[in-house]
PDB file of N, CA and C in Angstrom:
ATOM      1  N   UNK A   1       0.817  -1.186   0.000  1.00  0.00           N
ATOM      2  CA  UNK A   1       0.000   0.000   0.000  1.00  0.00           C
ATOM      3  C   UNK A   1       0.870   1.262   0.000  1.00  0.00           C
ATOM      4  N   UNK A   2       1.936   1.237   0.751  1.00  0.00           N
ATOM      5  CA  UNK A   2       2.749   2.453   0.844  1.00  0.00           C
ATOM      6  C   UNK A   2       3.339   2.850  -0.496  1.00  0.00           C
ATOM      7  N   UNK A   3       3.680   1.866  -1.324  1.00  0.00           N
ATOM      8  CA  UNK A   3       4.282   2.171  -2.622  1.00  0.00           C
ATOM      9  C   UNK A   3       3.297   2.898  -3.538  1.00  0.00           C
ATOM     10  N   UNK A   4       2.020   2.741  -3.289  1.00  0.00           N
ATOM     11  CA  UNK A   4       1.023   3.345  -4.172  1.00  0.00           C
ATOM     12  C   UNK A   4       0.456   4.660  -3.641  1.00  0.00           C
ATOM     13  N   UNK A   5       0.929   5.124  -2.497  1.00  0.00           N
ATOM     14  CA  UNK A   5       0.318   6.273  -1.832  1.00  0.00           C
ATOM     15  C   UNK A   5       0.230   7.531  -2.687  1.00  0.00           C
ATOM     16  N   UNK A   6       1.206   7.783  -3.534  1.00  0.00           N
ATOM     17  CA  UNK A   6       1.187   9.009  -4.334  1.00  0.00           C
ATOM     18  C   UNK A   6       0.598   8.788  -5.722  1.00  0.00           C
ATOM     19  N   UNK A   7       0.118   7.593  -5.993  1.00  0.00           N
ATOM     20  CA  UNK A   7      -0.474   7.277  -7.294  1.00  0.00           C
ATOM     21  C   UNK A   7      -1.898   6.788  -7.060  1.00  0.00           C
ATOM     22  N   UNK A   8      -2.878   7.674  -7.137  1.00  0.00           N
ATOM     23  CA  UNK A   8      -4.252   7.330  -6.769  1.00  0.00           C
ATOM     24  C   UNK A   8      -4.831   6.118  -7.499  1.00  0.00           C
ATOM     25  N   UNK A   9      -4.502   5.933  -8.774  1.00  0.00           N
ATOM     26  CA  UNK A   9      -5.011   4.764  -9.495  1.00  0.00           C
ATOM     27  C   UNK A   9      -4.519   3.486  -8.830  1.00  0.00           C
ATOM     28  N   UNK A  10      -3.235   3.444  -8.530  1.00  0.00           N
ATOM     29  CA  UNK A  10      -2.673   2.249  -7.919  1.00  0.00           C
ATOM     30  C   UNK A  10      -3.158   2.061  -6.486  1.00  0.00           C
ATOM     31  N   UNK A  11      -3.414   3.157  -5.799  1.00  0.00           N
ATOM     32  CA  UNK A  11      -3.983   3.069  -4.454  1.00  0.00           C
ATOM     33  C   UNK A  11      -5.355   2.414  -4.517  1.00  0.00           C
ATOM     34  N   UNK A  12      -6.172   2.845  -5.465  1.00  0.00           N
ATOM     35  CA  UNK A  12      -7.502   2.263  -5.632  1.00  0.00           C
ATOM     36  C   UNK A  12      -7.399   0.777  -5.956  1.00  0.00           C
ATOM     37  N   UNK A  13      -6.536   0.445  -6.900  1.00  0.00           N
ATOM     38  CA  UNK A  13      -6.368  -0.969  -7.270  1.00  0.00           C
ATOM     39  C   UNK A  13      -5.870  -1.803  -6.093  1.00  0.00           C
ATOM     40  N   UNK A  14      -4.907  -1.265  -5.349  1.00  0.00           N
ATOM     41  CA  UNK A  14      -4.366  -2.016  -4.211  1.00  0.00           C
ATOM     42  C   UNK A  14      -5.447  -2.283  -3.173  1.00  0.00           C
ATOM     43  N   UNK A  15      -6.238  -1.276  -2.852  1.00  0.00           N
ATOM     44  CA  UNK A  15      -7.322  -1.473  -1.890  1.00  0.00           C
ATOM     45  C   UNK A  15      -8.362  -2.465  -2.422  1.00  0.00           C
ATOM     46  N   UNK A  16      -8.700  -2.345  -3.708  1.00  0.00           N
ATOM     47  CA  UNK A  16      -9.701  -3.245  -4.288  1.00  0.00           C
ATOM     48  C   UNK A  16      -9.226  -4.691  -4.247  1.00  0.00           C
ATOM     49  N   UNK A  17      -8.008  -4.914  -4.637  1.00  0.00           N
ATOM     50  CA  UNK A  17      -7.496  -6.292  -4.659  1.00  0.00           C
ATOM     51  C   UNK A  17      -7.316  -6.848  -3.259  1.00  0.00           C
ATOM     52  N   UNK A  18      -6.854  -6.023  -2.344  1.00  0.00           N
ATOM     53  CA  UNK A  18      -6.733  -6.480  -0.967  1.00  0.00           C
ATOM     54  C   UNK A  18      -8.113  -6.797  -0.407  1.00  0.00           C
ATOM     55  N   UNK A  19      -9.098  -5.956  -0.692  1.00  0.00           N
ATOM     56  CA  UNK A  19     -10.460  -6.229  -0.252  1.00  0.00           C
ATOM     57  C   UNK A  19     -10.976  -7.543  -0.790  1.00  0.00           C
ATOM     58  N   UNK A  20     -10.728  -7.810  -2.070  1.00  0.00           N
ATOM     59  CA  UNK A  20     -11.176  -9.065  -2.679  1.00  0.00           C
ATOM     60  C   UNK A  20     -10.493 -10.267  -2.042  1.00  0.00           C
ATOM     61  N   UNK A  21      -9.206 -10.158  -1.790  1.00  0.00           N
ATOM     62  CA  UNK A  21      -8.477 -11.262  -1.148  1.00  0.00           C
ATOM     63  C   UNK A  21      -9.023 -11.512   0.255  1.00  0.00           C
ATOM     64  N   UNK A  22      -9.281 -10.446   0.984  1.00  0.00           N
ATOM     65  CA  UNK A  22      -9.816 -10.609   2.340  1.00  0.00           C
ATOM     66  C   UNK A  22     -11.199 -11.256   2.312  1.00  0.00           C
ATOM     67  N   UNK A  23     -12.030 -10.890   1.347  1.00  0.00           N
ATOM     68  CA  UNK A  23     -13.340 -11.533   1.218  1.00  0.00           C
ATOM     69  C   UNK A  23     -13.150 -13.027   0.966  1.00  0.00           C
ATOM     70  N   UNK A  24     -12.283 -13.358   0.035  1.00  0.00           N
ATOM     71  CA  UNK A  24     -12.065 -14.767  -0.351  1.00  0.00           C
ATOM     72  C   UNK A  24     -11.471 -15.600   0.760  1.00  0.00           C
ATOM     73  N   UNK A  25     -10.817 -14.947   1.712  1.00  0.00           N
ATOM     74  CA  UNK A  25     -10.234 -15.683   2.834  1.00  0.00           C
ATOM     75  C   UNK A  25     -11.098 -15.591   4.087  1.00  0.00           C
ATOM     76  N   UNK A  26     -12.323 -15.103   3.916  1.00  0.00           N
ATOM     77  CA  UNK A  26     -13.272 -15.071   5.020  1.00  0.00           C
ATOM     78  C   UNK A  26     -13.128 -13.905   5.971  1.00  0.00           C
ATOM     79  N   UNK A  27     -12.314 -12.931   5.635  1.00  0.00           N
ATOM     80  CA  UNK A  27     -12.095 -11.775   6.510  1.00  0.00           C
ATOM     81  C   UNK A  27     -12.934 -10.595   6.016  1.00  0.00           C
ATOM     82  N   UNK A  28     -14.236 -10.823   5.997  1.00  0.00           N
ATOM     83  CA  UNK A  28     -15.193  -9.908   5.382  1.00  0.00           C
ATOM     84  C   UNK A  28     -15.211  -8.540   6.068  1.00  0.00           C
ATOM     85  N   UNK A  29     -15.173  -8.516   7.373  1.00  0.00           N
ATOM     86  CA  UNK A  29     -15.216  -7.227   8.074  1.00  0.00           C
ATOM     87  C   UNK A  29     -14.006  -6.368   7.734  1.00  0.00           C
ATOM     88  N   UNK A  30     -12.837  -6.979   7.635  1.00  0.00           N
ATOM     89  CA  UNK A  30     -11.631  -6.235   7.261  1.00  0.00           C
ATOM     90  C   UNK A  30     -11.716  -5.760   5.811  1.00  0.00           C
ATOM     91  N   UNK A  31     -12.329  -6.562   4.971  1.00  0.00           N
ATOM     92  CA  UNK A  31     -12.428  -6.236   3.548  1.00  0.00           C
ATOM     93  C   UNK A  31     -13.224  -4.962   3.310  1.00  0.00           C
ATOM     94  N   UNK A  32     -14.242  -4.736   4.100  1.00  0.00           N
ATOM     95  CA  UNK A  32     -15.132  -3.591   3.891  1.00  0.00           C
ATOM     96  C   UNK A  32     -14.361  -2.270   3.873  1.00  0.00           C
ATOM     97  N   UNK A  33     -13.415  -2.102   4.766  1.00  0.00           N
ATOM     98  CA  UNK A  33     -12.611  -0.870   4.806  1.00  0.00           C
ATOM     99  C   UNK A  33     -11.886  -0.663   3.479  1.00  0.00           C
ATOM    100  N   UNK A  34     -11.287  -1.703   2.960  1.00  0.00           N
ATOM    101  CA  UNK A  34     -10.509  -1.588   1.732  1.00  0.00           C
ATOM    102  C   UNK A  34     -11.398  -1.365   0.510  1.00  0.00           C
ATOM    103  N   UNK A  35     -12.546  -1.986   0.500  1.00  0.00           N
ATOM    104  CA  UNK A  35     -13.486  -1.763  -0.603  1.00  0.00           C
ATOM    105  C   UNK A  35     -13.947  -0.304  -0.600  1.00  0.00           C
ATOM    106  N   UNK A  36     -14.294   0.204   0.553  1.00  0.00           N
ATOM    107  CA  UNK A  36     -14.708   1.611   0.656  1.00  0.00           C
ATOM    108  C   UNK A  36     -13.581   2.553   0.210  1.00  0.00           C
ATOM    109  N   UNK A  37     -12.365   2.239   0.635  1.00  0.00           N
ATOM    110  CA  UNK A  37     -11.220   3.071   0.252  1.00  0.00           C
ATOM    111  C   UNK A  37     -10.985   3.015  -1.253  1.00  0.00           C
ATOM    112  N   UNK A  38     -11.137   1.847  -1.850  1.00  0.00           N
ATOM    113  CA  UNK A  38     -10.947   1.702  -3.297  1.00  0.00           C
ATOM    114  C   UNK A  38     -11.961   2.531  -4.072  1.00  0.00           C
ATOM    115  N   UNK A  39     -13.196   2.533  -3.599  1.00  0.00           N
ATOM    116  CA  UNK A  39     -14.247   3.293  -4.275  1.00  0.00           C
ATOM    117  C   UNK A  39     -14.079   4.798  -4.092  1.00  0.00           C
ATOM    118  N   UNK A  40     -13.412   5.204  -3.028  1.00  0.00           N
ATOM    119  CA  UNK A  40     -13.256   6.622  -2.738  1.00  0.00           C
ATOM    120  C   UNK A  40     -11.934   7.209  -3.180  1.00  0.00           C
ATOM    121  N   UNK A  41     -11.123   6.419  -3.862  1.00  0.00           N
ATOM    122  CA  UNK A  41      -9.782   6.850  -4.241  1.00  0.00           C
ATOM    123  C   UNK A  41      -9.599   6.685  -5.749  1.00  0.00           C
ATOM    124  N   UNK A  42      -8.819   7.560  -6.301  1.00  0.00           N
ATOM    125  CA  UNK A  42      -8.384   7.379  -7.676  1.00  0.00           C
ATOM    126  C   UNK A  42      -9.391   7.762  -8.740  1.00  0.00           C
ATOM    127  N   UNK A  43      -8.963   7.592  -9.983  1.00  0.00           N
ATOM    128  CA  UNK A  43      -9.797   7.949 -11.123  1.00  0.00           C
ATOM    129  C   UNK A  43     -10.817   6.846 -11.428  1.00  0.00           C
ATOM    130  N   UNK A  44     -11.761   7.134 -12.300  1.00  0.00           N
ATOM    131  CA  UNK A  44     -12.790   6.155 -12.640  1.00  0.00           C
ATOM    132  C   UNK A  44     -12.243   4.802 -13.110  1.00  0.00           C
ATOM    133  N   UNK A  45     -11.108   4.788 -13.768  1.00  0.00           N
ATOM    134  CA  UNK A  45     -10.539   3.516 -14.221  1.00  0.00           C
ATOM    135  C   UNK A  45     -10.322   2.553 -13.053  1.00  0.00           C
ATOM    136  N   UNK A  46      -9.891   3.053 -11.933  1.00  0.00           N
ATOM    137  CA  UNK A  46      -9.665   2.212 -10.763  1.00  0.00           C
ATOM    138  C   UNK A  46     -10.941   1.678 -10.143  1.00  0.00           C
ATOM    139  N   UNK A  47     -12.041   2.324 -10.435  1.00  0.00           N
ATOM    140  CA  UNK A  47     -13.297   1.937  -9.802  1.00  0.00           C
ATOM    141  C   UNK A  47     -13.913   0.682 -10.402  1.00  0.00           C
ATOM    142  N   UNK A  48     -13.432   0.249 -11.576  1.00  0.00           N
ATOM    143  CA  UNK A  48     -13.910  -1.037 -12.100  1.00  0.00           C
ATOM    144  C   UNK A  48     -13.500  -2.152 -11.144  1.00  0.00           C
ATOM    145  N   UNK A  49     -12.234  -2.156 -10.759  1.00  0.00           N
ATOM    146  CA  UNK A  49     -11.745  -3.147  -9.792  1.00  0.00           C
ATOM    147  C   UNK A  49     -12.448  -2.984  -8.447  1.00  0.00           C
ATOM    148  N   UNK A  50     -12.672  -1.742  -8.060  1.00  0.00           N
ATOM    149  CA  UNK A  50     -13.341  -1.479  -6.784  1.00  0.00           C
ATOM    150  C   UNK A  50     -14.760  -2.035  -6.786  1.00  0.00           C
ATOM    151  N   UNK A  51     -15.462  -1.874  -7.904  1.00  0.00           N
ATOM    152  CA  UNK A  51     -16.828  -2.418  -7.983  1.00  0.00           C
ATOM    153  C   UNK A  51     -16.817  -3.939  -7.962  1.00  0.00           C
ATOM    154  N   UNK A  52     -15.814  -4.554  -8.571  1.00  0.00           N
ATOM    155  CA  UNK A  52     -15.696  -6.016  -8.481  1.00  0.00           C
ATOM    156  C   UNK A  52     -15.583  -6.445  -7.023  1.00  0.00           C
ATOM    157  N   UNK A  53     -14.702  -5.777  -6.298  1.00  0.00           N
ATOM    158  CA  UNK A  53     -14.509  -6.110  -4.883  1.00  0.00           C
ATOM    159  C   UNK A  53     -15.775  -5.841  -4.080  1.00  0.00           C
ATOM    160  N   UNK A  54     -16.460  -4.741  -4.402  1.00  0.00           N
ATOM    161  CA  UNK A  54     -17.709  -4.425  -3.696  1.00  0.00           C
ATOM    162  C   UNK A  54     -18.750  -5.514  -3.947  1.00  0.00           C
ATOM    163  N   UNK A  55     -18.818  -6.010  -5.162  1.00  0.00           N
ATOM    164  CA  UNK A  55     -19.771  -7.088  -5.472  1.00  0.00           C
ATOM    165  C   UNK A  55     -19.417  -8.366  -4.721  1.00  0.00           C
ATOM    166  N   UNK A  56     -18.145  -8.710  -4.682  1.00  0.00           N
ATOM    167  CA  UNK A  56     -17.726  -9.900  -3.924  1.00  0.00           C
ATOM    168  C   UNK A  56     -18.094  -9.752  -2.457  1.00  0.00           C
ATOM    169  N   UNK A  57     -17.867  -8.573  -1.909  1.00  0.00           N
ATOM    170  CA  UNK A  57     -18.194  -8.319  -0.514  1.00  0.00           C
ATOM    171  C   UNK A  57     -19.698  -8.435  -0.276  1.00  0.00           C
ATOM    172  N   UNK A  58     -20.486  -7.849  -1.157  1.00  0.00           N
ATOM    173  CA  UNK A  58     -21.943  -7.887  -1.007  1.00  0.00           C
ATOM    174  C   UNK A  58     -22.470  -9.316  -1.076  1.00  0.00           C
ATOM    175  N   UNK A  59     -21.931 -10.103  -1.978  1.00  0.00           N
ATOM    176  CA  UNK A  59     -22.361 -11.505  -2.094  1.00  0.00           C
ATOM    177  C   UNK A  59     -21.946 -12.287  -0.847  1.00  0.00           C
ATOM    178  N   UNK A  60     -20.729 -12.056  -0.385  1.00  0.00           N
ATOM    179  CA  UNK A  60     -20.250 -12.772   0.808  1.00  0.00           C
ATOM    180  C   UNK A  60     -21.077 -12.432   2.042  1.00  0.00           C
ATOM    181  N   UNK A  61     -21.553 -11.208   2.107  1.00  0.00           N
ATOM    182  CA  UNK A  61     -22.371 -10.779   3.251  1.00  0.00           C
ATOM    183  C   UNK A  61     -23.854 -11.101   3.078  1.00  0.00           C
ATOM    184  N   UNK A  62     -24.215 -11.596   1.909  1.00  0.00           N
ATOM    185  CA  UNK A  62     -25.632 -11.857   1.588  1.00  0.00           C
ATOM    186  C   UNK A  62     -26.445 -10.564   1.677  1.00  0.00           C
ATOM    187  N   UNK A  63     -25.841  -9.461   1.219  1.00  0.00           N
ATOM    188  CA  UNK A  63     -26.523  -8.169   1.243  1.00  0.00           C
ATOM    189  C   UNK A  63     -27.746  -8.186   0.326  1.00  0.00           C
ATOM    190  N   UNK A  64     -28.796  -7.544   0.762  1.00  0.00           N
ATOM    191  CA  UNK A  64     -30.029  -7.477  -0.034  1.00  0.00           C
ATOM    192  C   UNK A  64     -29.820  -6.747  -1.352  1.00  0.00           C
ATOM    193  N   UNK A  65     -28.860  -5.842  -1.403  1.00  0.00           N
ATOM    194  CA  UNK A  65     -28.630  -5.077  -2.629  1.00  0.00           C
ATOM    195  C   UNK A  65     -27.543  -5.665  -3.527  1.00  0.00           C
ATOM    196  N   UNK A  66     -27.119  -6.892  -3.255  1.00  0.00           N
ATOM    197  CA  UNK A  66     -26.046  -7.506  -4.041  1.00  0.00           C
ATOM    198  C   UNK A  66     -26.405  -7.599  -5.525  1.00  0.00           C
ATOM    199  N   UNK A  67     -27.616  -8.006  -5.836  1.00  0.00           N
ATOM    200  CA  UNK A  67     -28.021  -8.136  -7.243  1.00  0.00           C
ATOM    201  C   UNK A  67     -27.996  -6.783  -7.946  1.00  0.00           C
ATOM    202  N   UNK A  68     -28.437  -5.748  -7.264  1.00  0.00           N
ATOM    203  CA  UNK A  68     -28.426  -4.407  -7.853  1.00  0.00           C
ATOM    204  C   UNK A  68     -26.992  -3.918  -8.058  1.00  0.00           C
ATOM    205  N   UNK A  69     -26.110  -4.203  -7.111  1.00  0.00           N
ATOM    206  CA  UNK A  69     -24.706  -3.818  -7.263  1.00  0.00           C
ATOM    207  C   UNK A  69     -24.071  -4.540  -8.445  1.00  0.00           C
ATOM    208  N   UNK A  70     -24.380  -5.829  -8.576  1.00  0.00           N
ATOM    209  CA  UNK A  70     -23.859  -6.598  -9.711  1.00  0.00           C
ATOM    210  C   UNK A  70     -24.364  -6.027 -11.035  1.00  0.00           C
ATOM    211  N   UNK A  71     -25.652  -5.749 -11.107  1.00  0.00           N
ATOM    212  CA  UNK A  71     -26.225  -5.201 -12.338  1.00  0.00           C
ATOM    213  C   UNK A  71     -25.588  -3.862 -12.688  1.00  0.00           C
ATOM    214  N   UNK A  72     -25.392  -3.018 -11.685  1.00  0.00           N
ATOM    215  CA  UNK A  72     -24.766  -1.713 -11.908  1.00  0.00           C
ATOM    216  C   UNK A  72     -23.326  -1.881 -12.392  1.00  0.00           C
ATOM    217  N   UNK A  73     -22.586  -2.775 -11.770  1.00  0.00           N
ATOM    218  CA  UNK A  73     -21.192  -2.993 -12.152  1.00  0.00           C
ATOM    219  C   UNK A  73     -21.094  -3.534 -13.579  1.00  0.00           C
ATOM    220  N   UNK A  74     -21.988  -4.452 -13.946  1.00  0.00           N
ATOM    221  CA  UNK A  74     -21.994  -4.987 -15.312  1.00  0.00           C
ATOM    222  C   UNK A  74     -22.330  -3.874 -16.298  1.00  0.00           C
ATOM    223  N   UNK A  75     -23.344  -3.089 -15.991  1.00  0.00           N
ATOM    224  CA  UNK A  75     -23.738  -1.994 -16.872  1.00  0.00           C
ATOM    225  C   UNK A  75     -22.592  -1.010 -17.080  1.00  0.00           C
ATOM    226  N   UNK A  76     -21.930  -0.632 -16.002  1.00  0.00           N
ATOM    227  CA  UNK A  76     -20.814   0.316 -16.118  1.00  0.00           C
ATOM    228  C   UNK A  76     -19.650  -0.293 -16.906  1.00  0.00           C
ATOM    229  N   UNK A  77     -19.408  -1.591 -16.698  1.00  0.00           N
ATOM    230  CA  UNK A  77     -18.327  -2.256 -17.433  1.00  0.00           C
ATOM    231  C   UNK A  77     -18.628  -2.286 -18.930  1.00  0.00           C
ATOM    232  N   UNK A  78     -19.878  -2.563 -19.277  1.00  0.00           N
ATOM    233  CA  UNK A  78     -20.265  -2.600 -20.690  1.00  0.00           C
ATOM    234  C   UNK A  78     -20.155  -1.204 -21.300  1.00  0.00           C
ATOM    235  N   UNK A  79     -20.736  -0.215 -20.615  1.00  0.00           N
ATOM    236  CA  UNK A  79     -20.694   1.152 -21.139  1.00  0.00           C
ATOM    237  C   UNK A  79     -19.277   1.692 -21.226  1.00  0.00           C
ATOM    238  N   UNK A  80     -18.430   1.309 -20.278  1.00  0.00           N
ATOM    239  CA  UNK A  80     -17.056   1.805 -20.256  1.00  0.00           C
ATOM    240  C   UNK A  80     -16.082   0.975 -21.068  1.00  0.00           C
ATOM    241  N   UNK A  81     -16.551  -0.149 -21.595  1.00  0.00           N
ATOM    242  CA  UNK A  81     -15.675  -1.009 -22.382  1.00  0.00           C
ATOM    243  C   UNK A  81     -14.647  -1.759 -21.561  1.00  0.00           C
ATOM    244  N   UNK A  82     -14.927  -1.958 -20.291  1.00  0.00           N
ATOM    245  CA  UNK A  82     -13.985  -2.663 -19.417  1.00  0.00           C
ATOM    246  C   UNK A  82     -14.320  -4.154 -19.433  1.00  0.00           C
ATOM    247  N   UNK A  83     -13.778  -4.842 -20.434  1.00  0.00           N
ATOM    248  CA  UNK A  83     -14.141  -6.234 -20.674  1.00  0.00           C
ATOM    249  C   UNK A  83     -13.699  -7.181 -19.564  1.00  0.00           C
ATOM    250  N   UNK A  84     -12.602  -6.878 -18.901  1.00  0.00           N
ATOM    251  CA  UNK A  84     -12.117  -7.768 -17.837  1.00  0.00           C
ATOM    252  C   UNK A  84     -13.129  -7.843 -16.695  1.00  0.00           C
ATOM    253  N   UNK A  85     -13.632  -6.704 -16.250  1.00  0.00           N
ATOM    254  CA  UNK A  85     -14.601  -6.764 -15.151  1.00  0.00           C
ATOM    255  C   UNK A  85     -15.941  -7.295 -15.630  1.00  0.00           C
ATOM    256  N   UNK A  86     -16.300  -7.017 -16.863  1.00  0.00           N
ATOM    257  CA  UNK A  86     -17.550  -7.575 -17.394  1.00  0.00           C
ATOM    258  C   UNK A  86     -17.495  -9.093 -17.375  1.00  0.00           C
ATOM    259  N   UNK A  87     -16.378  -9.677 -17.824  1.00  0.00           N
ATOM    260  CA  UNK A  87     -16.237 -11.137 -17.809  1.00  0.00           C
ATOM    261  C   UNK A  87     -16.269 -11.683 -16.386  1.00  0.00           C
ATOM    262  N   UNK A  88     -15.678 -10.969 -15.462  1.00  0.00           N
ATOM    263  CA  UNK A  88     -15.637 -11.441 -14.072  1.00  0.00           C
ATOM    264  C   UNK A  88     -17.016 -11.396 -13.411  1.00  0.00           C
ATOM    265  N   UNK A  89     -17.882 -10.526 -13.903  1.00  0.00           N
ATOM    266  CA  UNK A  89     -19.198 -10.318 -13.282  1.00  0.00           C
ATOM    267  C   UNK A  89     -20.327 -11.118 -13.931  1.00  0.00           C
ATOM    268  N   UNK A  90     -20.083 -11.680 -15.087  1.00  0.00           N
ATOM    269  CA  UNK A  90     -21.148 -12.409 -15.780  1.00  0.00           C
ATOM    270  C   UNK A  90     -20.771 -13.871 -15.920  1.00  0.00           C
ATOM    271  N   UNK A  91     -21.755 -14.754 -15.787  1.00  0.00           N
ATOM    272  CA  UNK A  91     -21.471 -16.182 -15.907  1.00  0.00           C
ATOM    273  C   UNK A  91     -21.070 -16.541 -17.342  1.00  0.00           C
ATOM    274  N   UNK A  92     -20.271 -17.584 -17.488  1.00  0.00           N
ATOM    275  CA  UNK A  92     -19.813 -17.993 -18.840  1.00  0.00           C
ATOM    276  C   UNK A  92     -20.964 -18.475 -19.701  1.00  0.00           C
TER     277      UNK A  92
END
């Protein structure tokens, strides 16, 4: 994280990826901080990764708004041409 402090895009990506890893390892409460930080940092390009992490967190928590978050993330990925997150958010 320290290496990315002066580069907002990388800060956002680092928080998003750390949040996703924490979700996948069952550390959901810790992940929430990093997901929030990823969404609040950096340029819009970094927010694709942040939305992926937010969706993983919402699904892991069984949040009532998980489906809406997924739909929003897919829509933004399609409109923005971010094929990597679109593939990650939609079933094969």
